[in-house]
C-alpha atoms as a PDB file:
ATOM      1  CA  MET A   1      -3.418 -12.490 -31.002  1.00  0.00           C
ATOM      2  CA  ALA A   2      -0.533 -14.195 -32.795  1.00  0.00           C
ATOM      3  CA  VAL A   3       2.119 -12.517 -34.940  1.00  0.00           C
ATOM      4  CA  ALA A   4       4.779 -14.027 -37.166  1.00  0.00           C
ATOM      5  CA  VAL A   5       7.614 -12.258 -38.942  1.00  0.00           C
ATOM      6  CA  THR A   6       9.996 -13.614 -41.548  1.00  0.00           C
ATOM      7  CA  VAL A   7      13.354 -12.021 -42.263  1.00  0.00           C
ATOM      8  CA  ASP A   8      15.450 -13.636 -45.003  1.00  0.00           C
ATOM      9  CA  GLY A   9      13.949 -17.036 -44.238  1.00  0.00           C
ATOM     10  CA  ARG A  10      14.231 -16.744 -40.451  1.00  0.00           C
ATOM     11  CA  GLN A  11      10.910 -16.984 -38.659  1.00  0.00           C
ATOM     12  CA  HIS A  12       9.963 -15.218 -35.416  1.00  0.00           C
ATOM     13  CA  PHE A  13       6.741 -15.794 -33.472  1.00  0.00           C
ATOM     14  CA  TYR A  14       4.931 -13.742 -30.853  1.00  0.00           C
ATOM     15  CA  GLU A  15       1.736 -14.751 -29.038  1.00  0.00           C
ATOM     16  CA  PHE A  16      -0.582 -12.877 -26.727  1.00  0.00           C
ATOM     17  CA  GLY A  17      -3.667 -13.918 -24.750  1.00  0.00           C
ATOM     18  CA  VAL A  18      -5.817 -17.022 -24.765  1.00  0.00           C
ATOM     19  CA  VAL A  19      -7.647 -19.200 -27.276  1.00  0.00           C
ATOM     20  CA  SER A  20     -10.932 -18.666 -25.433  1.00  0.00           C
ATOM     21  CA  LYS A  21     -12.033 -16.942 -22.257  1.00  0.00           C
ATOM     22  CA  GLN A  22     -13.635 -20.185 -21.121  1.00  0.00           C
ATOM     23  CA  THR A  23     -10.638 -22.512 -21.424  1.00  0.00           C
ATOM     24  CA  GLN A  24      -7.892 -19.916 -20.841  1.00  0.00           C
ATOM     25  CA  ALA A  25      -5.607 -22.045 -23.049  1.00  0.00           C
ATOM     26  CA  PRO A  26      -2.717 -19.867 -24.268  1.00  0.00           C
ATOM     27  CA  VAL A  27      -2.425 -18.782 -27.892  1.00  0.00           C
ATOM     28  CA  THR A  28       0.448 -20.471 -29.743  1.00  0.00           C
ATOM     29  CA  ARG A  29       1.800 -20.515 -33.289  1.00  0.00           C
ATOM     30  CA  ASP A  30      -0.523 -23.506 -33.866  1.00  0.00           C
ATOM     31  CA  THR A  31      -3.737 -21.715 -32.821  1.00  0.00           C
ATOM     32  CA  LEU A  32      -6.302 -21.600 -35.638  1.00  0.00           C
ATOM     33  CA  PHE A  33      -7.725 -18.194 -36.485  1.00  0.00           C
ATOM     34  CA  GLU A  34     -10.267 -17.203 -39.115  1.00  0.00           C
ATOM     35  CA  ILE A  35      -8.305 -15.170 -41.672  1.00  0.00           C
ATOM     36  CA  GLY A  36     -11.364 -13.681 -43.388  1.00  0.00           C
ATOM     37  CA  SER A  37     -10.653 -12.124 -46.764  1.00  0.00           C
ATOM     38  CA  VAL A  38      -6.979 -13.044 -46.686  1.00  0.00           C
ATOM     39  CA  SER A  39      -8.585 -16.284 -47.946  1.00  0.00           C
ATOM     40  CA  LYS A  40      -8.986 -14.518 -51.293  1.00  0.00           C
ATOM     41  CA  THR A  41      -5.243 -14.861 -51.886  1.00  0.00           C
ATOM     42  CA  PHE A  42      -5.681 -18.645 -51.658  1.00  0.00           C
ATOM     43  CA  THR A  43      -8.672 -18.540 -54.021  1.00  0.00           C
ATOM     44  CA  ALA A  44      -6.529 -16.557 -56.459  1.00  0.00           C
ATOM     45  CA  THR A  45      -3.830 -19.219 -56.117  1.00  0.00           C
ATOM     46  CA  LEU A  46      -6.368 -21.916 -57.022  1.00  0.00           C
ATOM     47  CA  ALA A  47      -7.365 -19.901 -60.109  1.00  0.00           C
ATOM     48  CA  GLY A  48      -3.705 -19.592 -61.045  1.00  0.00           C
ATOM     49  CA  TYR A  49      -3.291 -23.313 -60.479  1.00  0.00           C
ATOM     50  CA  ALA A  50      -6.195 -24.077 -62.832  1.00  0.00           C
ATOM     51  CA  ALA A  51      -4.764 -21.689 -65.429  1.00  0.00           C
ATOM     52  CA  THR A  52      -1.297 -23.241 -65.179  1.00  0.00           C
ATOM     53  CA  ARG A  53      -2.868 -26.682 -65.577  1.00  0.00           C
ATOM     54  CA  GLY A  54      -4.418 -25.410 -68.823  1.00  0.00           C
ATOM     55  CA  VAL A  55      -8.043 -26.011 -67.819  1.00  0.00           C
ATOM     56  CA  LEU A  56      -8.899 -22.324 -67.312  1.00  0.00           C
ATOM     57  CA  ASN A  57      -8.000 -19.075 -69.052  1.00  0.00           C
ATOM     58  CA  LEU A  58      -8.395 -15.724 -67.324  1.00  0.00           C
ATOM     59  CA  ASP A  59      -9.306 -14.196 -70.691  1.00  0.00           C
ATOM     60  CA  ASP A  60     -12.393 -16.423 -70.838  1.00  0.00           C
ATOM     61  CA  HIS A  61     -15.886 -15.390 -69.809  1.00  0.00           C
ATOM     62  CA  PRO A  62     -17.997 -17.045 -67.080  1.00  0.00           C
ATOM     63  CA  GLY A  63     -20.449 -18.591 -69.536  1.00  0.00           C
ATOM     64  CA  ARG A  64     -17.789 -20.929 -70.889  1.00  0.00           C
ATOM     65  CA  TYR A  65     -17.705 -22.725 -67.544  1.00  0.00           C
ATOM     66  CA  LEU A  66     -21.244 -21.968 -66.345  1.00  0.00           C
ATOM     67  CA  PRO A  67     -23.499 -22.264 -69.425  1.00  0.00           C
ATOM     68  CA  ALA A  68     -26.431 -20.849 -67.416  1.00  0.00           C
ATOM     69  CA  LEU A  69     -24.624 -17.480 -67.507  1.00  0.00           C
ATOM     70  CA  ALA A  70     -23.813 -17.512 -71.243  1.00  0.00           C
ATOM     71  CA  GLY A  71     -25.121 -14.399 -72.957  1.00  0.00           C
ATOM     72  CA  THR A  72     -26.101 -12.614 -69.738  1.00  0.00           C
ATOM     73  CA  PRO A  73     -24.609  -9.198 -68.841  1.00  0.00           C
ATOM     74  CA  ILE A  74     -22.136 -10.731 -66.354  1.00  0.00           C
ATOM     75  CA  ASP A  75     -20.802 -12.829 -69.238  1.00  0.00           C
ATOM     76  CA  ARG A  76     -19.282  -9.696 -70.762  1.00  0.00           C
ATOM     77  CA  ALA A  77     -16.717  -9.750 -67.976  1.00  0.00           C
ATOM     78  CA  GLU A  78     -13.582 -11.855 -68.156  1.00  0.00           C
ATOM     79  CA  LEU A  79     -12.543 -14.139 -65.325  1.00  0.00           C
ATOM     80  CA  ARG A  80      -9.733 -11.671 -64.643  1.00  0.00           C
ATOM     81  CA  ASN A  81     -12.386  -9.049 -63.921  1.00  0.00           C
ATOM     82  CA  LEU A  82     -13.956 -11.326 -61.325  1.00  0.00           C
ATOM     83  CA  GLY A  83     -10.617 -11.733 -59.558  1.00  0.00           C
ATOM     84  CA  THR A  84      -9.891  -8.002 -59.544  1.00  0.00           C
ATOM     85  CA  TYR A  85     -13.418  -6.812 -58.606  1.00  0.00           C
ATOM     86  CA  THR A  86     -13.791  -5.030 -61.949  1.00  0.00           C
ATOM     87  CA  ALA A  87     -16.736  -6.952 -63.444  1.00  0.00           C
ATOM     88  CA  GLY A  88     -18.973  -3.882 -63.475  1.00  0.00           C
ATOM     89  CA  GLY A  89     -20.171  -3.239 -59.944  1.00  0.00           C
ATOM     90  CA  LEU A  90     -20.885  -6.520 -58.156  1.00  0.00           C
ATOM     91  CA  PRO A  91     -21.724  -5.713 -54.509  1.00  0.00           C
ATOM     92  CA  LEU A  92     -19.767  -6.475 -51.368  1.00  0.00           C
ATOM     93  CA  GLN A  93     -22.201  -9.226 -50.363  1.00  0.00           C
ATOM     94  CA  PHE A  94     -25.009 -11.273 -51.854  1.00  0.00           C
ATOM     95  CA  PRO A  95     -28.534 -10.245 -50.845  1.00  0.00           C
ATOM     96  CA  GLU A  96     -29.804 -12.224 -47.849  1.00  0.00           C
ATOM     97  CA  SER A  97     -32.206 -14.029 -50.180  1.00  0.00           C
ATOM     98  CA  VAL A  98     -29.317 -15.860 -51.880  1.00  0.00           C
ATOM     99  CA  THR A  99     -28.813 -18.977 -49.785  1.00  0.00           C
ATOM    100  CA  ASP A 100     -27.906 -21.768 -52.231  1.00  0.00           C
ATOM    101  CA  ASP A 101     -26.266 -22.400 -55.604  1.00  0.00           C
ATOM    102  CA  GLU A 102     -29.535 -22.243 -57.516  1.00  0.00           C
ATOM    103  CA  GLN A 103     -30.266 -18.803 -56.128  1.00  0.00           C
ATOM    104  CA  MET A 104     -26.648 -17.796 -56.756  1.00  0.00           C
ATOM    105  CA  ILE A 105     -26.997 -18.612 -60.452  1.00  0.00           C
ATOM    106  CA  ALA A 106     -30.303 -16.760 -60.603  1.00  0.00           C
ATOM    107  CA  TYR A 107     -28.683 -13.728 -58.988  1.00  0.00           C
ATOM    108  CA  PHE A 108     -25.903 -13.579 -61.581  1.00  0.00           C
ATOM    109  CA  GLN A 109     -28.388 -14.134 -64.406  1.00  0.00           C
ATOM    110  CA  GLN A 110     -30.308 -11.003 -63.426  1.00  0.00           C
ATOM    111  CA  PHE A 111     -27.281  -8.877 -62.457  1.00  0.00           C
ATOM    112  CA  GLN A 112     -27.114  -5.566 -64.321  1.00  0.00           C
ATOM    113  CA  PRO A 113     -23.628  -3.972 -64.387  1.00  0.00           C
ATOM    114  CA  VAL A 114     -23.358  -0.255 -63.704  1.00  0.00           C
ATOM    115  CA  THR A 115     -20.355   0.071 -66.037  1.00  0.00           C
ATOM    116  CA  ALA A 116     -18.550  -1.942 -68.668  1.00  0.00           C
ATOM    117  CA  PRO A 117     -16.010  -4.404 -67.255  1.00  0.00           C
ATOM    118  CA  GLY A 118     -12.694  -2.869 -66.252  1.00  0.00           C
ATOM    119  CA  LYS A 119     -13.955   0.640 -65.518  1.00  0.00           C
ATOM    120  CA  ILE A 120     -14.464   0.482 -61.759  1.00  0.00           C
ATOM    121  CA  ARG A 121     -13.200  -1.636 -58.910  1.00  0.00           C
ATOM    122  CA  GLN A 122     -15.876  -2.515 -56.371  1.00  0.00           C
ATOM    123  CA  TYR A 123     -14.648  -4.890 -53.694  1.00  0.00           C
ATOM    124  CA  SER A 124     -16.929  -7.919 -53.787  1.00  0.00           C
ATOM    125  CA  ASN A 125     -17.231 -11.359 -52.218  1.00  0.00           C
ATOM    126  CA  PRO A 126     -19.587 -12.587 -54.993  1.00  0.00           C
ATOM    127  CA  SER A 127     -17.015 -11.519 -57.594  1.00  0.00           C
ATOM    128  CA  VAL A 128     -14.031 -13.442 -56.265  1.00  0.00           C
ATOM    129  CA  GLY A 129     -16.379 -16.188 -55.103  1.00  0.00           C
ATOM    130  CA  LEU A 130     -17.554 -16.774 -58.659  1.00  0.00           C
ATOM    131  CA  LEU A 131     -13.933 -16.995 -59.807  1.00  0.00           C
ATOM    132  CA  GLY A 132     -13.245 -19.650 -57.172  1.00  0.00           C
ATOM    133  CA  HIS A 133     -16.402 -21.553 -58.073  1.00  0.00           C
ATOM    134  CA  ILE A 134     -15.503 -21.539 -61.763  1.00  0.00           C
ATOM    135  CA  SER A 135     -11.892 -22.538 -61.048  1.00  0.00           C
ATOM    136  CA  ALA A 136     -13.086 -25.587 -59.131  1.00  0.00           C
ATOM    137  CA  ARG A 137     -15.483 -26.552 -61.934  1.00  0.00           C
ATOM    138  CA  ALA A 138     -12.654 -26.231 -64.451  1.00  0.00           C
ATOM    139  CA  LEU A 139     -10.542 -28.563 -62.307  1.00  0.00           C
ATOM    140  CA  GLY A 140     -13.434 -31.025 -62.071  1.00  0.00           C
ATOM    141  CA  GLY A 141     -14.040 -30.932 -58.339  1.00  0.00           C
ATOM    142  CA  GLN A 142     -15.513 -29.149 -55.344  1.00  0.00           C
ATOM    143  CA  PHE A 143     -13.867 -25.935 -54.216  1.00  0.00           C
ATOM    144  CA  THR A 144     -13.312 -26.953 -50.590  1.00  0.00           C
ATOM    145  CA  ASP A 145     -11.807 -30.325 -51.538  1.00  0.00           C
ATOM    146  CA  LEU A 146      -9.495 -28.802 -54.147  1.00  0.00           C
ATOM    147  CA  MET A 147      -8.413 -25.997 -51.852  1.00  0.00           C
ATOM    148  CA  GLN A 148      -7.489 -28.503 -49.163  1.00  0.00           C
ATOM    149  CA  SER A 149      -5.824 -31.115 -51.362  1.00  0.00           C
ATOM    150  CA  GLN A 150      -4.146 -29.067 -54.089  1.00  0.00           C
ATOM    151  CA  ILE A 151      -3.394 -25.694 -52.518  1.00  0.00           C
ATOM    152  CA  LEU A 152      -3.173 -25.898 -48.728  1.00  0.00           C
ATOM    153  CA  THR A 153      -1.565 -29.344 -48.683  1.00  0.00           C
ATOM    154  CA  GLY A 154       0.548 -28.551 -51.749  1.00  0.00           C
ATOM    155  CA  LEU A 155       1.953 -25.494 -49.991  1.00  0.00           C
ATOM    156  CA  GLY A 156       2.788 -27.569 -46.920  1.00  0.00           C
ATOM    157  CA  LEU A 157       0.160 -25.835 -44.777  1.00  0.00           C
ATOM    158  CA  ARG A 158      -0.808 -28.857 -42.713  1.00  0.00           C
ATOM    159  CA  ARG A 159      -2.782 -26.983 -40.076  1.00  0.00           C
ATOM    160  CA  SER A 160      -4.868 -24.788 -42.403  1.00  0.00           C
ATOM    161  CA  PHE A 161      -8.441 -25.675 -43.290  1.00  0.00           C
ATOM    162  CA  VAL A 162     -11.660 -24.502 -44.845  1.00  0.00           C
ATOM    163  CA  ASP A 163     -13.630 -27.054 -42.820  1.00  0.00           C
ATOM    164  CA  VAL A 164     -11.856 -27.568 -39.501  1.00  0.00           C
ATOM    165  CA  PRO A 165     -11.709 -31.322 -38.727  1.00  0.00           C
ATOM    166  CA  ASP A 166     -12.757 -32.654 -35.336  1.00  0.00           C
ATOM    167  CA  GLU A 167      -9.181 -33.409 -34.328  1.00  0.00           C
ATOM    168  CA  ALA A 168      -8.179 -29.758 -34.800  1.00  0.00           C
ATOM    169  CA  MET A 169     -11.146 -28.136 -33.030  1.00  0.00           C
ATOM    170  CA  ASP A 170      -9.258 -27.746 -29.743  1.00  0.00           C
ATOM    171  CA  PHE A 171      -6.822 -25.462 -31.584  1.00  0.00           C
ATOM    172  CA  TYR A 172      -9.592 -23.321 -33.126  1.00  0.00           C
ATOM    173  CA  ALA A 173      -9.802 -20.000 -31.292  1.00  0.00           C
ATOM    174  CA  TRP A 174     -13.084 -18.360 -30.458  1.00  0.00           C
ATOM    175  CA  GLY A 175     -13.512 -14.919 -31.924  1.00  0.00           C
ATOM    176  CA  TYR A 176     -15.155 -12.140 -29.939  1.00  0.00           C
ATOM    177  CA  ASP A 177     -17.639  -9.684 -31.391  1.00  0.00           C
ATOM    178  CA  LYS A 178     -18.237  -6.038 -30.459  1.00  0.00           C
ATOM    179  CA  LYS A 179     -20.090  -7.132 -27.332  1.00  0.00           C
ATOM    180  CA  ASN A 180     -17.301  -9.599 -26.456  1.00  0.00           C
ATOM    181  CA  HIS A 181     -19.560 -12.564 -27.174  1.00  0.00           C
ATOM    182  CA  PRO A 182     -17.788 -15.674 -28.573  1.00  0.00           C
ATOM    183  CA  VAL A 183     -18.488 -16.123 -32.280  1.00  0.00           C
ATOM    184  CA  ARG A 184     -17.324 -18.025 -35.317  1.00  0.00           C
ATOM    185  CA  VAL A 185     -17.920 -17.410 -38.989  1.00  0.00           C
ATOM    186  CA  ASN A 186     -21.423 -17.886 -40.371  1.00  0.00           C
ATOM    187  CA  PRO A 187     -21.961 -20.153 -43.412  1.00  0.00           C
ATOM    188  CA  GLY A 188     -23.074 -18.579 -46.660  1.00  0.00           C
ATOM    189  CA  VAL A 189     -22.877 -18.868 -50.432  1.00  0.00           C
ATOM    190  CA  PHE A 190     -19.208 -18.580 -51.480  1.00  0.00           C
ATOM    191  CA  ASP A 191     -18.075 -18.355 -47.855  1.00  0.00           C
ATOM    192  CA  ALA A 192     -15.253 -20.824 -48.552  1.00  0.00           C
ATOM    193  CA  GLU A 193     -14.099 -18.936 -51.638  1.00  0.00           C
ATOM    194  CA  ALA A 194     -14.232 -15.430 -50.152  1.00  0.00           C
ATOM    195  CA  TYR A 195     -13.452 -15.673 -46.434  1.00  0.00           C
ATOM    196  CA  GLY A 196     -13.417 -19.307 -45.317  1.00  0.00           C
ATOM    197  CA  VAL A 197      -9.818 -20.305 -44.546  1.00  0.00           C
ATOM    198  CA  LYS A 198      -8.724 -20.909 -40.956  1.00  0.00           C
ATOM    199  CA  SER A 199      -4.989 -20.932 -40.379  1.00  0.00           C
ATOM    200  CA  THR A 200      -2.129 -20.495 -37.924  1.00  0.00           C
ATOM    201  CA  THR A 201       0.785 -18.113 -37.855  1.00  0.00           C
ATOM    202  CA  ALA A 202       3.112 -21.085 -38.405  1.00  0.00           C
ATOM    203  CA  ASP A 203       1.313 -21.920 -41.655  1.00  0.00           C
ATOM    204  CA  MET A 204       0.655 -18.360 -42.761  1.00  0.00           C
ATOM    205  CA  ILE A 205       4.269 -17.272 -42.451  1.00  0.00           C
ATOM    206  CA  ARG A 206       5.201 -20.317 -44.538  1.00  0.00           C
ATOM    207  CA  PHE A 207       2.664 -19.134 -47.124  1.00  0.00           C
ATOM    208  CA  ILE A 208       4.233 -15.669 -47.049  1.00  0.00           C
ATOM    209  CA  GLU A 209       7.683 -17.185 -47.561  1.00  0.00           C
ATOM    210  CA  HIS A 210       6.391 -19.132 -50.560  1.00  0.00           C
ATOM    211  CA  ASN A 211       5.114 -15.836 -51.969  1.00  0.00           C
ATOM    212  CA  ILE A 212       8.461 -14.167 -51.325  1.00  0.00           C
ATOM    213  CA  ASP A 213      10.280 -17.016 -53.061  1.00  0.00           C
ATOM    214  CA  PRO A 214       8.160 -19.781 -54.638  1.00  0.00           C
ATOM    215  CA  GLY A 215      11.199 -21.512 -56.109  1.00  0.00           C
ATOM    216  CA  ALA A 216      10.983 -24.570 -53.855  1.00  0.00           C
ATOM    217  CA  LEU A 217       7.407 -25.376 -54.899  1.00  0.00           C
ATOM    218  CA  GLU A 218       6.537 -27.890 -57.592  1.00  0.00           C
ATOM    219  CA  PRO A 219       6.303 -26.133 -60.990  1.00  0.00           C
ATOM    220  CA  THR A 220       2.511 -25.870 -61.322  1.00  0.00           C
ATOM    221  CA  LEU A 221       2.053 -24.462 -57.837  1.00  0.00           C
ATOM    222  CA  ARG A 222       5.065 -22.187 -58.264  1.00  0.00           C
ATOM    223  CA  GLU A 223       3.517 -20.590 -61.334  1.00  0.00           C
ATOM    224  CA  ALA A 224       0.160 -20.358 -59.559  1.00  0.00           C
ATOM    225  CA  VAL A 225       1.699 -18.384 -56.688  1.00  0.00           C
ATOM    226  CA  LYS A 226       3.559 -16.103 -59.083  1.00  0.00           C
ATOM    227  CA  SER A 227       0.344 -15.411 -61.007  1.00  0.00           C
ATOM    228  CA  THR A 228      -1.201 -13.769 -57.938  1.00  0.00           C
ATOM    229  CA  GLN A 229       1.480 -11.052 -57.943  1.00  0.00           C
ATOM    230  CA  VAL A 230       0.716  -9.575 -61.371  1.00  0.00           C
ATOM    231  CA  GLY A 231      -0.897  -6.144 -61.354  1.00  0.00           C
ATOM    232  CA  TYR A 232      -3.896  -5.566 -63.628  1.00  0.00           C
ATOM    233  CA  TYR A 233      -5.536  -2.313 -62.517  1.00  0.00           C
ATOM    234  CA  LYS A 234      -4.333   0.918 -60.975  1.00  0.00           C
ATOM    235  CA  VAL A 235      -6.837   1.899 -58.301  1.00  0.00           C
ATOM    236  CA  GLY A 236      -6.030   5.052 -56.359  1.00  0.00           C
ATOM    237  CA  PRO A 237      -2.904   4.460 -54.264  1.00  0.00           C
ATOM    238  CA  MET A 238      -2.498   0.772 -55.114  1.00  0.00           C
ATOM    239  CA  VAL A 239      -2.436  -1.792 -57.908  1.00  0.00           C
ATOM    240  CA  GLN A 240      -4.981  -4.611 -57.816  1.00  0.00           C
ATOM    241  CA  ASP A 241      -3.601  -8.095 -58.431  1.00  0.00           C
ATOM    242  CA  LEU A 242      -5.475 -11.402 -58.212  1.00  0.00           C
ATOM    243  CA  GLY A 243      -5.936 -11.637 -54.459  1.00  0.00           C
ATOM    244  CA  TRP A 244      -3.045  -9.432 -53.381  1.00  0.00           C
ATOM    245  CA  GLU A 245      -2.839  -5.639 -53.587  1.00  0.00           C
ATOM    246  CA  GLN A 246       0.520  -4.041 -54.277  1.00  0.00           C
ATOM    247  CA  TYR A 247       2.282  -0.747 -53.630  1.00  0.00           C
ATOM    248  CA  PRO A 248       5.640   0.656 -54.734  1.00  0.00           C
ATOM    249  CA  TYR A 249       8.181   0.017 -51.997  1.00  0.00           C
ATOM    250  CA  PRO A 250       9.097   1.776 -49.806  1.00  0.00           C
ATOM    251  CA  VAL A 251       5.512   2.870 -49.213  1.00  0.00           C
ATOM    252  CA  ALA A 252       4.435   5.729 -46.946  1.00  0.00           C
ATOM    253  CA  LEU A 253       2.031   4.847 -44.150  1.00  0.00           C
ATOM    254  CA  ASP A 254      -0.633   7.269 -45.396  1.00  0.00           C
ATOM    255  CA  GLN A 255      -0.600   5.605 -48.825  1.00  0.00           C
ATOM    256  CA  LEU A 256      -0.975   2.157 -47.270  1.00  0.00           C
ATOM    257  CA  LEU A 257      -3.793   3.372 -45.037  1.00  0.00           C
ATOM    258  CA  ALA A 258      -5.562   4.954 -47.993  1.00  0.00           C
ATOM    259  CA  GLY A 259      -5.387   1.729 -49.986  1.00  0.00           C
ATOM    260  CA  ASN A 260      -6.825  -0.230 -47.070  1.00  0.00           C
ATOM    261  CA  SER A 261      -9.459   2.332 -46.105  1.00  0.00           C
ATOM    262  CA  GLY A 262     -13.154   1.766 -45.616  1.00  0.00           C
ATOM    263  CA  GLU A 263     -13.830   3.897 -48.673  1.00  0.00           C
ATOM    264  CA  MET A 264     -11.755   1.560 -50.844  1.00  0.00           C
ATOM    265  CA  ALA A 265     -13.631  -1.454 -49.498  1.00  0.00           C
ATOM    266  CA  MET A 266     -17.142  -0.042 -49.502  1.00  0.00           C
ATOM    267  CA  SER A 267     -17.317   2.339 -52.488  1.00  0.00           C
ATOM    268  CA  PRO A 268     -16.662   1.916 -56.218  1.00  0.00           C
ATOM    269  CA  GLN A 269     -13.302   3.300 -57.317  1.00  0.00           C
ATOM    270  CA  ALA A 270     -12.086   4.264 -60.775  1.00  0.00           C
ATOM    271  CA  ALA A 271      -9.852   1.542 -62.236  1.00  0.00           C
ATOM    272  CA  THR A 272      -7.257   2.025 -64.950  1.00  0.00           C
ATOM    273  CA  ALA A 273      -6.147  -1.083 -66.812  1.00  0.00           C
ATOM    274  CA  ILE A 274      -2.388  -1.563 -67.022  1.00  0.00           C
ATOM    275  CA  ALA A 275      -0.268  -3.979 -68.973  1.00  0.00           C
ATOM    276  CA  PRO A 276       0.863  -6.619 -66.444  1.00  0.00           C
ATOM    277  CA  PRO A 277       4.031  -4.995 -65.105  1.00  0.00           C
ATOM    278  CA  SER A 278       7.252  -6.658 -64.165  1.00  0.00           C
ATOM    279  CA  VAL A 279       7.169  -6.423 -60.387  1.00  0.00           C
ATOM    280  CA  GLY A 280      10.054  -4.356 -59.111  1.00  0.00           C
ATOM    281  CA  SER A 281      10.350  -3.297 -55.495  1.00  0.00           C
ATOM    282  CA  ALA A 282       6.792  -3.784 -54.266  1.00  0.00           C
ATOM    283  CA  LEU A 283       4.921  -4.419 -51.032  1.00  0.00           C
ATOM    284  CA  PHE A 284       2.005  -6.847 -51.271  1.00  0.00           C
ATOM    285  CA  ASN A 285      -0.746  -6.924 -48.660  1.00  0.00           C
ATOM    286  CA  LYS A 286      -4.238  -8.132 -47.799  1.00  0.00           C
ATOM    287  CA  THR A 287      -6.577  -7.558 -44.897  1.00  0.00           C
ATOM    288  CA  GLY A 288      -9.232  -9.971 -43.667  1.00  0.00           C
ATOM    289  CA  SER A 289     -12.065  -9.845 -41.152  1.00  0.00           C
ATOM    290  CA  THR A 290     -14.983 -11.860 -39.865  1.00  0.00           C
ATOM    291  CA  ASP A 291     -17.332 -10.822 -37.052  1.00  0.00           C
ATOM    292  CA  GLY A 292     -14.912 -12.091 -34.416  1.00  0.00           C
ATOM    293  CA  PHE A 293     -11.515 -12.121 -36.108  1.00  0.00           C
ATOM    294  CA  GLY A 294      -9.084  -9.739 -37.801  1.00  0.00           C
ATOM    295  CA  ALA A 295      -6.089 -10.573 -39.984  1.00  0.00           C
ATOM    296  CA  TYR A 296      -3.399  -8.793 -41.966  1.00  0.00           C
ATOM    297  CA  ALA A 297      -0.583 -10.105 -44.138  1.00  0.00           C
ATOM    298  CA  ALA A 298       2.130  -8.150 -45.947  1.00  0.00           C
ATOM    299  CA  PHE A 299       5.481  -8.912 -47.549  1.00  0.00           C
ATOM    300  CA  VAL A 300       8.242  -7.382 -49.659  1.00  0.00           C
ATOM    301  CA  PRO A 301       9.893 -10.003 -51.887  1.00  0.00           C
ATOM    302  CA  GLU A 302      12.927  -7.874 -52.765  1.00  0.00           C
ATOM    303  CA  ARG A 303      13.762  -7.363 -49.081  1.00  0.00           C
ATOM    304  CA  ARG A 304      12.697 -10.909 -48.123  1.00  0.00           C
ATOM    305  CA  ILE A 305      10.600  -9.635 -45.243  1.00  0.00           C
ATOM    306  CA  GLY A 306       6.998 -10.335 -44.300  1.00  0.00           C
ATOM    307  CA  ILE A 307       4.513 -10.252 -41.448  1.00  0.00           C
ATOM    308  CA  VAL A 308       1.276 -12.002 -40.500  1.00  0.00           C
ATOM    309  CA  MET A 309      -1.042 -10.757 -37.750  1.00  0.00           C
ATOM    310  CA  LEU A 310      -3.985 -12.932 -36.637  1.00  0.00           C
ATOM    311  CA  ALA A 311      -6.375 -11.876 -33.890  1.00  0.00           C
ATOM    312  CA  SER A 312      -9.570 -13.191 -32.299  1.00  0.00           C
ATOM    313  CA  LYS A 313     -11.033  -9.685 -32.421  1.00  0.00           C
ATOM    314  CA  ASN A 314     -11.906  -7.572 -35.457  1.00  0.00           C
ATOM    315  CA  PHE A 315      -9.456  -4.815 -34.601  1.00  0.00           C
ATOM    316  CA  PRO A 316      -9.694  -1.669 -36.765  1.00  0.00           C
ATOM    317  CA  ILE A 317      -7.817  -2.074 -40.037  1.00  0.00           C
ATOM    318  CA  PRO A 318      -5.863   1.190 -39.602  1.00  0.00           C
ATOM    319  CA  ALA A 319      -4.440  -0.171 -36.349  1.00  0.00           C
ATOM    320  CA  ARG A 320      -3.338  -3.409 -38.048  1.00  0.00           C
ATOM    321  CA  VAL A 321      -1.804  -1.618 -41.010  1.00  0.00           C
ATOM    322  CA  THR A 322       0.007   0.912 -38.830  1.00  0.00           C
ATOM    323  CA  ALA A 323       1.490  -1.783 -36.597  1.00  0.00           C
ATOM    324  CA  ALA A 324       2.624  -3.923 -39.541  1.00  0.00           C
ATOM    325  CA  HIS A 325       4.049  -0.907 -41.396  1.00  0.00           C
ATOM    326  CA  THR A 326       6.092  -0.004 -38.322  1.00  0.00           C
ATOM    327  CA  VAL A 327       7.577  -3.509 -38.163  1.00  0.00           C
ATOM    328  CA  LEU A 328       8.287  -3.788 -41.905  1.00  0.00           C
ATOM    329  CA  ASP A 329       9.716  -0.273 -42.016  1.00  0.00           C
ATOM    330  CA  ALA A 330      12.204  -1.222 -39.296  1.00  0.00           C
ATOM    331  CA  LEU A 331      13.066  -4.542 -40.950  1.00  0.00           C
ATOM    332  CA  GLY A 332      13.514  -2.979 -44.385  1.00  0.00           C
ATOM    333  CA  ALA A 333      15.698  -0.116 -43.225  1.00  0.00           C
END
């Protein structure tokens, strides 16, 4: 496990254990971990980047960018609905039968929403994946290439990847599943868009600092980062942004646990549209998991504090949230 904390621009790093049981190499701030669904915050940043470039509008519908979806039920949703999981009930995962882009398009063509867009939030990899796919098409490239060249490199995250290059493989930790077998993430449709980033605590705490204060970024990327911190829907104890989820700060532990509960991830929740608020004192967070890895990131811009926790084990989310809340509560006091 590796942990990084930022306090008013000062970074602190803590490492525990080894990169793999076989090599026994120690974990460092440069060890690559799978960050799972924390990747969605990067996908949201790419969407914001495309919007700031003027090639995409979150008010648009999918069919404008994917003509094969024009006039289908999913085309009633706006791109903003895809990024906030409010498109009408898209599931957590694609069916196992969806294994390529052709089948992905066919799946969306036959999708039948259970509600009108904006009525429920149902956490969904296909939903945010479609937003990432469309954002890349709007920018005229492939998602993985654009994520690497425009977002990860643009943010100065030089040891973060969707596809880990050969020269970085020695830094790539092995995850361990419930039986303590070494595993890494399986490929799948929209894996890159929904859960595909691998990163280090050194890079992730830099990303958190850019979210706390994006002022040093070039203008297009600065606006892209800011666009991920706008709340669109009130969902139970939290507000759903593009990628991030936010809470009024200070936030009680039980509220943070409720917003990151299994029920919130696995079951549809009533969503209430809100005018994009001016963010006051708020905590932003996101969890992420793959079969062998667990991640959590949280920050409070007003207090200039943040934390990243990356582990090569899918530790229970309540344990991650409780540990991070304890640290941030002490730092924000």
